[in-house]
Amino acid sequence: MKERNETHLPETKYQIVRREESAPRIGVFGVGYFKYWSQFDGLVDALLEKQKVFIQKLKKNHVEVIDFGLVDDAQSAYDLVPKLQAANLDLIFCDMLTYATSSTFGVIIKNIATPIVLVALQPDKAMDYTRASTYMQLYNDDVCSLPEFAGVAIRMGKRVPEVIIGTLYDDPESEESINEYCRIARVLHGLRTARIGHIGHPIEAMLDMHTDSTMLTAHFGIHVVQCEANEIVGQYLHHVKDQETKEEEQRILSFFDTPDPVSDPISEKLKPEDLKVAAKVSVALKKFIAEKNLDGLAYYYNGEDNSDTQLVMSNLIVGNSLLTSSGFPMCGESDLKCCMAMFIMDRLGIGGSFAEFHPVDFKENFVLVGHDGPHNISIAEGKPVLRSLKKYHGKPGFGAGVEFKIKEGPITMLSISSTYEGKFKFVIAEGESVEGPIPPTGNTNTRGFFKPDVRTFLTNWIKEGPTHHFALGIGHHAKSIQKIANYLQIESVIVG
């Protein structure tokens, strides 16, 4: 099952249509105690109706749901294990319909690697104590087995599963939690099936960015597709038609403003020739990624001076920004780990833009966060800007640069670093994007405020050994990202 979503950018009449992606597969099984069925007429049917209501809540979140029915004794738990294993699931919900002995769960948590969430949503906000009965108690006994299941998970050598506790009806908090786990399932599903392109290599001196493609497959599940810069040039750029370029120019101009230069002497008003190059490269790039069946791309390539290869590889910024905004994360300087961070944020539904720290404002207690290169304009504050740059600082070439700031309000950062032991680590933080001017340099910059103050925050962030690149998204989602790290069995820390 595949779907498309539309992203509405501010102040434009155009839309960026998200690339097609398959929906995550979520399994649901309920638990109960078989001895109750003969004792209380109608109870099992009432509990199964509760499970149907929960499944309908899941389906509102654009996921594929497989209902595995009810597990009510040890044998039915053993019978369920191979069915769950064969279903190719991204996440499993165990619906705590009433009290159930942990024999309905122990063998499942022991043998299933797929993340499991325990859901205890009782139908009534409170029992009517003047009319209370054992039947009514069992009908609302959703939380009763949670401690038992948690303790058995530990005894089976597993983490205690995440838990949703609340009511089945009229409970916005539990609805929000259900949505969160469905978005997490989308991330896990995307990682298991993603093909991430890689062109060139990280800039030689950036030792923090080098990584092992095999380890990315081992820890995330993605496949890294090694590509060549000359493929874009020889197979696609030289075959782009003039009409295709003109149409892409109009599309680009619909999303960006092109103001006059301000204070930076290397920036100019967007030149027609720079727009034409950016548009032609954008068309070639889209054809390239379609042929390669890619879901993301990290790239850096110098190329021979004044060659077509150098021209293409230094002018991917505009097309890449539009692609990143459509659900195809692209990361400059060939940083595969940051591309993964951007991918996670994208599938979580919070954007994900290429960023690093820029100068600190000690007067107003913030740090500029941004970068040159591709960005996610779907999370821009206002309409993004295109400027012609006479040079890309620290890199070869010249051409159009993308400038904007992230939407004002809460923001989340994710850096994926590597440790001495060769493992990955998530370094996560939350802050605020606050209104104010940014440098008119043709790069992104956001005024990032972090607690308790910028000096202390940066000190604490640096102590965790991040890479200098990170993905920047909107909203506060540090705990969701940490849950993803836990499911991937990757070390994580929230800097706060």
Protein backbone atom coordinates (compact mmCIF):
# COMPACT_ATOMS: atom_id res chain seq x y z
CA MET A 1 0.00 0.00 0.00
CA LYS A 2 1.55 3.30 -1.09
CA GLU A 3 0.44 6.84 -0.46
CA ARG A 4 1.20 10.41 -1.41
CA ASN A 5 1.05 13.43 0.86
CA GLU A 6 1.09 17.06 -0.17
CA THR A 7 3.24 19.64 1.55
CA HIS A 8 1.95 23.21 1.32
CA LEU A 9 4.77 25.71 1.40
CA PRO A 10 4.10 29.17 2.80
CA GLU A 11 3.11 31.95 0.43
CA THR A 12 3.01 29.81 -2.70
CA LYS A 13 0.17 28.49 -4.82
CA TYR A 14 2.20 25.38 -5.64
CA GLN A 15 2.60 22.12 -3.78
CA ILE A 16 5.43 19.71 -3.26
CA VAL A 17 4.03 16.20 -3.57
CA ARG A 18 5.73 13.65 -1.36
CA ARG A 19 7.30 10.73 -3.12
CA GLU A 20 5.42 7.45 -2.90
CA GLU A 21 6.32 5.26 0.05
CA SER A 22 4.82 2.03 1.32
CA ALA A 23 2.88 2.10 4.60
CA PRO A 24 4.29 0.43 7.72
CA ARG A 25 2.85 -2.96 8.71
CA ILE A 26 1.54 -3.08 12.26
CA GLY A 27 0.39 -6.22 14.05
CA VAL A 28 -2.19 -6.31 16.85
CA PHE A 29 -3.00 -9.13 19.24
CA GLY A 30 -5.18 -8.99 22.31
CA VAL A 31 -4.60 -10.85 25.58
CA GLY A 32 -7.04 -12.26 28.13
CA TYR A 33 -7.55 -15.20 30.48
CA PHE A 34 -9.40 -18.22 29.08
CA LYS A 35 -10.94 -19.18 32.44
CA TYR A 36 -13.10 -16.04 32.41
CA TRP A 37 -15.05 -17.00 29.27
CA SER A 38 -17.14 -19.74 30.84
CA GLN A 39 -17.60 -17.73 34.02
CA PHE A 40 -18.91 -14.48 32.48
CA ASP A 41 -21.27 -14.67 29.51
CA GLY A 42 -20.52 -12.17 26.77
CA LEU A 43 -17.22 -10.97 28.23
CA VAL A 44 -14.98 -12.31 25.47
CA ASP A 45 -17.18 -10.74 22.77
CA ALA A 46 -17.15 -7.39 24.59
CA LEU A 47 -13.35 -7.53 24.82
CA LEU A 48 -12.99 -8.28 21.11
CA GLU A 49 -15.16 -5.24 20.39
CA LYS A 50 -12.65 -3.18 22.39
CA GLN A 51 -9.89 -4.53 20.16
CA LYS A 52 -11.84 -3.53 17.03
CA VAL A 53 -12.14 0.04 18.34
CA PHE A 54 -8.39 0.17 18.96
CA ILE A 55 -7.64 -1.12 15.46
CA GLN A 56 -9.83 1.60 13.95
CA LYS A 57 -7.79 4.16 15.86
CA LEU A 58 -4.61 2.74 14.31
CA LYS A 59 -6.00 2.83 10.77
CA LYS A 60 -6.55 6.58 11.04
CA ASN A 61 -2.75 6.93 11.00
CA HIS A 62 -2.18 5.60 7.45
CA VAL A 63 -0.77 2.22 8.47
CA GLU A 64 -1.50 -1.32 7.36
CA VAL A 65 -2.93 -3.30 10.29
CA ILE A 66 -2.93 -7.10 10.68
CA ASP A 67 -5.29 -8.36 13.39
CA PHE A 68 -4.04 -11.57 15.05
CA GLY A 69 -7.04 -11.95 17.32
CA LEU A 70 -6.94 -13.01 20.96
CA VAL A 71 -4.26 -14.89 22.92
CA ASP A 72 -5.72 -16.34 26.13
CA ASP A 73 -3.41 -19.21 27.17
CA ALA A 74 0.17 -20.42 26.75
CA GLN A 75 -0.54 -22.65 23.75
CA SER A 76 -2.18 -19.85 21.74
CA ALA A 77 0.89 -17.69 22.50
CA TYR A 78 3.21 -20.39 21.12
CA ASP A 79 0.95 -20.73 18.08
CA LEU A 80 1.11 -16.98 17.45
CA VAL A 81 4.91 -16.69 17.36
CA PRO A 82 5.47 -18.11 13.83
CA LYS A 83 2.56 -16.04 12.49
CA LEU A 84 4.10 -12.83 13.83
CA GLN A 85 7.50 -13.82 12.47
CA ALA A 86 6.07 -14.47 9.02
CA ALA A 87 4.08 -11.23 8.80
CA ASN A 88 7.04 -8.91 8.12
CA LEU A 89 5.88 -6.41 10.74
CA ASP A 90 7.43 -3.08 11.70
CA LEU A 91 5.70 -2.72 15.09
CA ILE A 92 3.38 -4.84 17.25
CA PHE A 93 0.71 -3.67 19.70
CA CYS A 94 -0.28 -6.02 22.52
CA ASP A 95 -3.81 -4.95 23.47
CA MET A 96 -4.31 -5.56 27.21
CA LEU A 97 -8.03 -6.33 27.03
CA THR A 98 -8.33 -7.62 30.60
CA TYR A 99 -6.15 -9.45 33.08
CA ALA A 100 -4.01 -12.10 31.34
CA THR A 101 -1.38 -14.40 32.78
CA SER A 102 2.10 -13.69 31.47
CA SER A 103 2.17 -17.11 29.80
CA THR A 104 0.27 -15.35 27.02
CA PHE A 105 3.22 -13.01 26.54
CA GLY A 106 6.49 -14.55 27.70
CA VAL A 107 7.21 -16.73 24.67
CA ILE A 108 6.25 -13.87 22.35
CA ILE A 109 8.60 -11.28 23.86
CA LYS A 110 11.30 -13.96 24.01
CA ASN A 111 11.14 -14.88 20.32
CA ILE A 112 9.99 -11.72 18.50
CA ALA A 113 12.58 -9.10 17.57
CA THR A 114 9.96 -6.62 16.32
CA PRO A 115 9.27 -3.80 18.83
CA ILE A 116 6.19 -4.42 20.98
CA VAL A 117 4.05 -1.73 22.66
CA LEU A 118 1.67 -2.66 25.48
CA VAL A 119 -1.68 -0.85 25.19
CA ALA A 120 -3.98 -0.54 28.21
CA LEU A 121 -7.01 1.52 27.19
CA GLN A 122 -9.95 0.81 29.47
CA PRO A 123 -13.39 1.61 28.07
CA ASP A 124 -14.76 3.52 31.09
CA LYS A 125 -13.06 6.52 32.65
CA ALA A 126 -14.18 5.16 36.03
CA MET A 127 -16.37 2.33 37.24
CA ASP A 128 -19.84 3.12 38.50
CA TYR A 129 -19.15 1.98 42.04
CA THR A 130 -22.83 1.92 43.05
CA ARG A 131 -23.46 -0.71 40.36
CA ALA A 132 -20.01 -2.31 40.24
CA SER A 133 -19.60 -6.00 39.49
CA THR A 134 -16.80 -8.45 38.82
CA TYR A 135 -17.79 -8.43 35.14
CA MET A 136 -17.43 -4.63 35.06
CA GLN A 137 -14.03 -4.86 36.76
CA LEU A 138 -12.74 -7.44 34.28
CA TYR A 139 -14.08 -5.36 31.38
CA ASN A 140 -11.92 -2.46 32.64
CA ASP A 141 -8.95 -4.48 33.90
CA ASP A 142 -6.56 -3.28 31.16
CA VAL A 143 -3.69 -2.20 33.43
CA CYS A 144 -3.81 -5.22 35.75
CA SER A 145 -1.23 -7.35 33.90
CA LEU A 146 1.18 -4.56 32.96
CA PRO A 147 3.54 -5.10 35.94
CA GLU A 148 3.51 -8.88 35.36
CA PHE A 149 4.30 -8.48 31.64
CA ALA A 150 7.07 -5.99 32.38
CA GLY A 151 8.68 -8.28 34.91
CA VAL A 152 8.55 -11.24 32.52
CA ALA A 153 10.16 -9.16 29.75
CA ILE A 154 13.10 -8.54 32.08
CA ARG A 155 13.30 -12.25 32.96
CA MET A 156 13.37 -13.05 29.25
CA GLY A 157 16.38 -10.79 28.78
CA LYS A 158 14.46 -8.04 26.98
CA ARG A 159 13.70 -4.38 27.58
CA VAL A 160 10.43 -3.53 29.27
CA PRO A 161 8.12 -2.65 26.36
CA GLU A 162 6.80 0.88 25.92
CA VAL A 163 3.32 1.37 27.40
CA ILE A 164 0.23 3.40 26.49
CA ILE A 165 -2.15 3.85 29.43
CA GLY A 166 -5.47 5.66 29.15
CA THR A 167 -9.07 5.26 28.07
CA LEU A 168 -10.50 3.85 24.88
CA TYR A 169 -12.76 6.85 24.28
CA ASP A 170 -12.34 10.62 24.54
CA ASP A 171 -8.64 10.53 25.45
CA PRO A 172 -6.51 12.91 23.32
CA GLU A 173 -3.33 11.93 25.18
CA SER A 174 -3.63 8.25 24.24
CA GLU A 175 -4.58 9.21 20.67
CA GLU A 176 -1.38 11.25 20.48
CA SER A 177 0.64 8.29 21.77
CA ILE A 178 -0.91 5.99 19.18
CA ASN A 179 0.00 8.48 16.47
CA GLU A 180 3.56 8.73 17.81
CA TYR A 181 4.09 4.96 17.60
CA CYS A 182 2.59 4.81 14.12
CA ARG A 183 5.09 7.49 13.03
CA ILE A 184 7.89 5.54 14.70
CA ALA A 185 6.74 2.47 12.77
CA ARG A 186 7.00 4.55 9.59
CA VAL A 187 10.63 5.35 10.45
CA LEU A 188 11.48 1.71 11.20
CA HIS A 189 9.75 0.56 8.01
CA GLY A 190 11.56 3.16 5.93
CA LEU A 191 14.95 2.21 7.34
CA ARG A 192 14.39 -1.49 6.61
CA THR A 193 13.66 -0.84 2.94
CA ALA A 194 15.66 2.31 2.06
CA ARG A 195 18.24 2.61 -0.71
CA ILE A 196 20.56 5.52 0.08
CA GLY A 197 22.80 6.70 -2.74
CA HIS A 198 26.40 7.72 -2.08
CA ILE A 199 28.55 9.74 -4.47
CA GLY A 200 32.21 10.53 -3.87
CA HIS A 201 33.54 10.75 -0.33
CA PRO A 202 33.49 13.09 2.67
CA ILE A 203 35.82 16.07 2.45
CA GLU A 204 39.19 14.60 3.40
CA ALA A 205 39.73 16.57 6.60
CA MET A 206 36.27 15.83 8.08
CA LEU A 207 37.21 12.67 9.94
CA ASP A 208 34.02 12.72 12.03
CA MET A 209 31.91 11.99 8.94
CA HIS A 210 33.56 8.89 7.54
CA THR A 211 31.52 5.74 8.05
CA ASP A 212 31.28 2.10 7.00
CA SER A 213 28.41 1.35 4.62
CA THR A 214 28.21 -2.22 5.88
CA MET A 215 27.70 -0.98 9.45
CA LEU A 216 24.87 1.25 8.26
CA THR A 217 23.17 -1.87 6.90
CA ALA A 218 23.93 -3.78 10.12
CA HIS A 219 22.44 -1.16 12.45
CA PHE A 220 19.77 0.56 10.34
CA GLY A 221 18.87 -1.98 7.66
CA ILE A 222 19.39 0.42 4.74
CA HIS A 223 21.33 -0.45 1.60
CA VAL A 224 23.95 2.04 0.44
CA VAL A 225 24.04 2.31 -3.35
CA GLN A 226 27.49 3.45 -4.49
CA CYS A 227 26.98 5.83 -7.43
CA GLU A 228 29.23 7.85 -9.72
CA ALA A 229 29.02 11.56 -10.47
CA ASN A 230 29.64 10.99 -14.17
CA GLU A 231 26.42 8.97 -14.37
CA ILE A 232 24.36 12.11 -13.78
CA VAL A 233 26.37 13.97 -16.42
CA GLY A 234 26.74 11.44 -19.20
CA GLN A 235 23.44 9.59 -18.93
CA TYR A 236 21.09 12.40 -17.93
CA LEU A 237 22.40 16.00 -18.03
CA HIS A 238 23.29 15.92 -21.72
CA HIS A 239 19.83 14.58 -22.56
CA VAL A 240 17.77 17.21 -20.72
CA LYS A 241 15.61 19.10 -23.23
CA ASP A 242 15.37 22.89 -23.27
CA GLN A 243 11.64 22.74 -22.57
CA GLU A 244 12.24 20.58 -19.49
CA THR A 245 14.75 23.13 -18.22
CA LYS A 246 12.37 26.06 -18.78
CA GLU A 247 9.55 24.28 -16.96
CA GLU A 248 11.84 23.48 -14.04
CA GLU A 249 12.96 27.13 -13.88
CA GLN A 250 9.33 28.20 -13.45
CA ARG A 251 8.78 25.55 -10.80
CA ILE A 252 11.85 26.70 -8.88
CA LEU A 253 10.82 30.36 -9.05
CA SER A 254 7.38 29.44 -7.68
CA PHE A 255 8.96 28.29 -4.42
CA PHE A 256 11.69 30.92 -3.93
CA ASP A 257 12.08 34.66 -3.72
CA THR A 258 15.04 36.25 -5.54
CA PRO A 259 15.83 39.49 -3.66
CA ASP A 260 18.62 41.95 -4.30
CA PRO A 261 21.92 41.33 -2.46
CA VAL A 262 22.37 42.93 0.94
CA SER A 263 25.69 42.91 2.80
CA ASP A 264 27.64 39.83 1.66
CA PRO A 265 29.98 40.74 -1.24
CA ILE A 266 30.02 37.16 -2.58
CA SER A 267 26.21 37.13 -3.03
CA GLU A 268 24.29 38.59 -5.97
CA LYS A 269 20.72 38.71 -7.17
CA LEU A 270 19.94 35.35 -8.78
CA LYS A 271 21.40 35.37 -12.27
CA PRO A 272 19.45 33.80 -15.17
CA GLU A 273 22.41 31.60 -16.07
CA ASP A 274 22.65 30.25 -12.50
CA LEU A 275 18.93 29.52 -12.49
CA LYS A 276 19.24 27.73 -15.81
CA VAL A 277 22.08 25.54 -14.57
CA ALA A 278 20.24 24.75 -11.32
CA ALA A 279 17.08 23.83 -13.26
CA LYS A 280 18.87 21.62 -15.79
CA VAL A 281 20.80 19.84 -13.05
CA SER A 282 17.56 19.39 -11.07
CA VAL A 283 15.89 17.64 -14.02
CA ALA A 284 18.92 15.38 -14.56
CA LEU A 285 19.07 14.57 -10.85
CA LYS A 286 15.40 13.53 -10.69
CA LYS A 287 15.88 11.19 -13.64
CA PHE A 288 19.01 9.75 -12.05
CA ILE A 289 17.41 8.94 -8.69
CA ALA A 290 14.34 7.47 -10.40
CA GLU A 291 16.52 5.12 -12.47
CA LYS A 292 18.56 4.15 -9.40
CA ASN A 293 15.40 3.73 -7.27
CA LEU A 294 16.94 5.76 -4.44
CA ASP A 295 15.33 6.99 -1.21
CA GLY A 296 18.08 9.45 -0.24
CA LEU A 297 21.53 10.64 -1.31
CA ALA A 298 24.77 11.81 0.30
CA TYR A 299 27.26 13.40 -2.07
CA TYR A 300 30.50 15.35 -2.43
CA TYR A 301 32.69 15.40 -5.51
CA ASN A 302 35.21 17.96 -6.70
CA GLY A 303 35.53 17.05 -10.37
CA GLU A 304 38.04 18.49 -12.80
CA ASP A 305 38.13 22.30 -12.88
CA ASN A 306 35.61 23.81 -15.31
CA SER A 307 34.26 20.36 -16.20
CA ASP A 308 30.61 19.35 -16.58
CA THR A 309 31.04 17.03 -13.60
CA GLN A 310 32.18 19.89 -11.37
CA LEU A 311 29.35 22.07 -12.67
CA VAL A 312 26.74 19.42 -11.86
CA MET A 313 28.08 18.38 -8.46
CA SER A 314 28.39 21.99 -7.27
CA ASN A 315 24.89 22.93 -8.46
CA LEU A 316 22.75 20.21 -6.87
CA ILE A 317 21.64 22.52 -4.06
CA VAL A 318 18.35 23.82 -5.48
CA GLY A 319 17.09 20.54 -6.90
CA ASN A 320 18.20 18.76 -3.75
CA SER A 321 16.27 21.17 -1.54
CA LEU A 322 13.05 20.49 -3.46
CA LEU A 323 13.68 16.74 -3.30
CA THR A 324 14.46 16.83 0.42
CA SER A 325 11.17 18.61 0.97
CA SER A 326 9.33 15.84 -0.90
CA GLY A 327 10.62 13.06 1.35
CA PHE A 328 13.97 12.37 -0.33
CA PRO A 329 16.69 13.48 2.15
CA MET A 330 19.89 14.71 0.52
CA CYS A 331 23.02 15.54 2.42
CA GLY A 332 26.03 17.49 1.17
CA GLU A 333 29.68 16.86 2.03
CA SER A 334 28.93 13.14 1.58
CA ASP A 335 27.78 12.72 5.19
CA LEU A 336 25.89 9.41 5.19
CA LYS A 337 25.28 9.52 8.96
CA CYS A 338 23.62 12.94 8.72
CA CYS A 339 21.60 11.69 5.76
CA MET A 340 20.31 8.94 8.07
CA ALA A 341 19.39 11.54 10.70
CA MET A 342 17.51 13.55 8.07
CA PHE A 343 15.76 10.37 6.87
CA ILE A 344 14.61 9.54 10.41
CA MET A 345 13.21 13.03 10.91
CA ASP A 346 11.50 12.99 7.53
CA ARG A 347 9.71 9.70 8.17
CA LEU A 348 8.82 10.87 11.67
CA GLY A 349 7.05 13.79 10.00
CA ILE A 350 9.13 16.62 11.46
CA GLY A 351 11.18 17.74 8.46
CA GLY A 352 14.91 17.24 8.81
CA SER A 353 17.25 19.84 7.36
CA PHE A 354 21.06 19.78 6.98
CA ALA A 355 22.64 21.86 9.77
CA GLU A 356 25.70 22.71 11.85
CA PHE A 357 26.56 25.41 14.39
CA HIS A 358 27.38 28.90 13.12
CA PRO A 359 28.45 31.92 15.23
CA VAL A 360 27.07 32.46 18.73
CA ASP A 361 25.22 35.61 19.70
CA PHE A 362 26.37 36.15 23.28
CA LYS A 363 24.36 39.36 23.53
CA GLU A 364 20.99 37.66 22.99
CA ASN A 365 22.04 34.15 24.13
CA PHE A 366 21.48 32.10 20.96
CA VAL A 367 23.52 30.24 18.35
CA LEU A 368 22.92 30.29 14.62
CA VAL A 369 22.24 26.80 13.24
CA GLY A 370 22.29 26.18 9.50
CA HIS A 371 24.45 25.18 6.53
CA ASP A 372 25.08 25.73 2.88
CA GLY A 373 23.86 23.03 0.51
CA PRO A 374 20.50 21.22 0.37
CA HIS A 375 17.75 22.00 2.86
CA ASN A 376 14.19 21.03 3.70
CA ILE A 377 12.17 24.03 2.57
CA SER A 378 8.91 22.45 3.75
CA ILE A 379 9.84 23.60 7.28
CA ALA A 380 10.92 27.11 6.30
CA GLU A 381 9.67 30.23 8.03
CA GLY A 382 8.21 32.29 5.19
CA LYS A 383 9.27 31.93 1.59
CA PRO A 384 12.87 30.71 1.07
CA VAL A 385 15.35 32.78 -0.93
CA LEU A 386 17.68 32.02 -3.84
CA ARG A 387 20.86 34.03 -4.26
CA SER A 388 23.67 33.70 -6.78
CA LEU A 389 26.94 33.07 -4.99
CA LYS A 390 30.26 33.95 -6.61
CA LYS A 391 31.87 31.11 -4.66
CA TYR A 392 30.77 28.26 -2.40
CA HIS A 393 33.00 28.84 0.61
CA GLY A 394 35.35 25.93 1.20
CA LYS A 395 34.14 24.08 -1.90
CA PRO A 396 34.65 24.32 -5.64
CA GLY A 397 32.23 26.08 -7.95
CA PHE A 398 29.62 28.83 -7.81
CA GLY A 399 25.92 29.24 -8.53
CA ALA A 400 22.56 29.40 -6.75
CA GLY A 401 22.40 29.11 -2.95
CA VAL A 402 19.34 28.46 -0.77
CA GLU A 403 18.66 30.79 2.19
CA PHE A 404 15.94 30.51 4.83
CA LYS A 405 15.35 29.89 8.51
CA ILE A 406 13.43 27.10 10.22
CA LYS A 407 9.85 27.75 11.35
CA GLU A 408 9.65 29.65 14.60
CA GLY A 409 8.82 27.54 17.62
CA PRO A 410 10.15 24.28 19.09
CA ILE A 411 12.94 22.46 17.25
CA THR A 412 14.77 19.14 17.65
CA MET A 413 18.34 18.23 16.65
CA LEU A 414 19.76 14.78 15.91
CA SER A 415 23.43 14.02 15.34
CA ILE A 416 24.45 10.43 14.56
CA SER A 417 28.06 9.92 15.57
CA SER A 418 30.43 6.96 15.72
CA THR A 419 32.29 5.75 18.81
CA TYR A 420 35.80 4.35 19.22
CA GLU A 421 34.27 0.86 19.26
CA GLY A 422 32.75 1.47 15.82
CA LYS A 423 29.16 1.73 17.04
CA PHE A 424 26.68 4.51 16.36
CA LYS A 425 25.35 7.00 18.89
CA PHE A 426 22.35 9.36 18.74
CA VAL A 427 23.01 12.78 20.26
CA ILE A 428 19.64 14.56 20.60
CA ALA A 429 18.52 17.95 21.87
CA GLU A 430 15.53 20.26 21.89
CA GLY A 431 15.44 24.03 21.61
CA GLU A 432 13.50 26.94 20.14
CA SER A 433 13.68 28.74 16.80
CA VAL A 434 13.05 32.39 17.60
CA GLU A 435 12.19 35.31 15.34
CA GLY A 436 14.97 37.65 14.27
CA PRO A 437 17.27 38.58 11.36
CA ILE A 438 19.72 36.07 9.87
CA PRO A 439 22.86 36.69 7.77
CA PRO A 440 21.97 37.21 4.05
CA THR A 441 24.66 34.78 2.86
CA GLY A 442 22.69 32.40 0.65
CA ASN A 443 22.80 29.74 3.40
CA THR A 444 20.24 28.61 5.97
CA ASN A 445 20.48 30.06 9.45
CA THR A 446 18.11 29.76 12.39
CA ARG A 447 18.37 31.57 15.70
CA GLY A 448 18.52 28.59 18.06
CA PHE A 449 17.84 29.08 21.76
CA PHE A 450 18.80 26.24 24.12
CA LYS A 451 18.48 25.78 27.88
CA PRO A 452 19.85 26.66 30.33
CA ASP A 453 21.96 29.06 28.25
CA VAL A 454 23.87 28.85 24.98
CA ARG A 455 27.31 28.49 26.59
CA THR A 456 26.25 25.64 28.90
CA PHE A 457 24.24 23.89 26.22
CA LEU A 458 27.05 23.89 23.66
CA THR A 459 29.48 22.63 26.30
CA ASN A 460 27.15 19.75 27.19
CA TRP A 461 26.42 18.95 23.54
CA ILE A 462 30.11 18.80 22.64
CA LYS A 463 30.87 16.51 25.60
CA GLU A 464 28.67 13.81 24.03
CA GLY A 465 30.95 13.51 20.98
CA PRO A 466 28.54 14.42 18.15
CA THR A 467 29.48 14.98 14.53
CA HIS A 468 29.59 18.62 13.49
CA HIS A 469 26.59 18.01 11.21
CA PHE A 470 23.10 17.26 12.49
CA ALA A 471 19.53 17.11 11.24
CA LEU A 472 17.22 19.92 12.34
CA GLY A 473 13.46 19.35 12.62
CA ILE A 474 10.41 21.14 13.95
CA GLY A 475 8.63 20.36 17.22
CA HIS A 476 9.96 18.71 20.36
CA HIS A 477 10.48 15.02 19.56
CA ALA A 478 13.59 13.99 21.49
CA LYS A 479 11.80 11.17 23.33
CA SER A 480 10.37 9.75 20.10
CA ILE A 481 13.83 9.74 18.51
CA GLN A 482 15.27 8.07 21.61
CA LYS A 483 12.63 5.34 21.34
CA ILE A 484 13.75 4.76 17.75
CA ALA A 485 17.36 4.48 18.97
CA ASN A 486 16.27 1.95 21.59
CA TYR A 487 14.43 -0.13 19.00
CA LEU A 488 17.55 -0.07 16.80
CA GLN A 489 19.69 -0.94 19.86
CA ILE A 490 21.77 2.19 19.35
CA GLU A 491 23.16 4.25 22.24
CA SER A 492 21.46 7.61 22.68
CA VAL A 493 21.55 10.66 24.90
CA ILE A 494 19.27 13.68 25.19
CA VAL A 495 21.33 16.79 25.95
CA GLY A 496 19.33 19.04 28.20
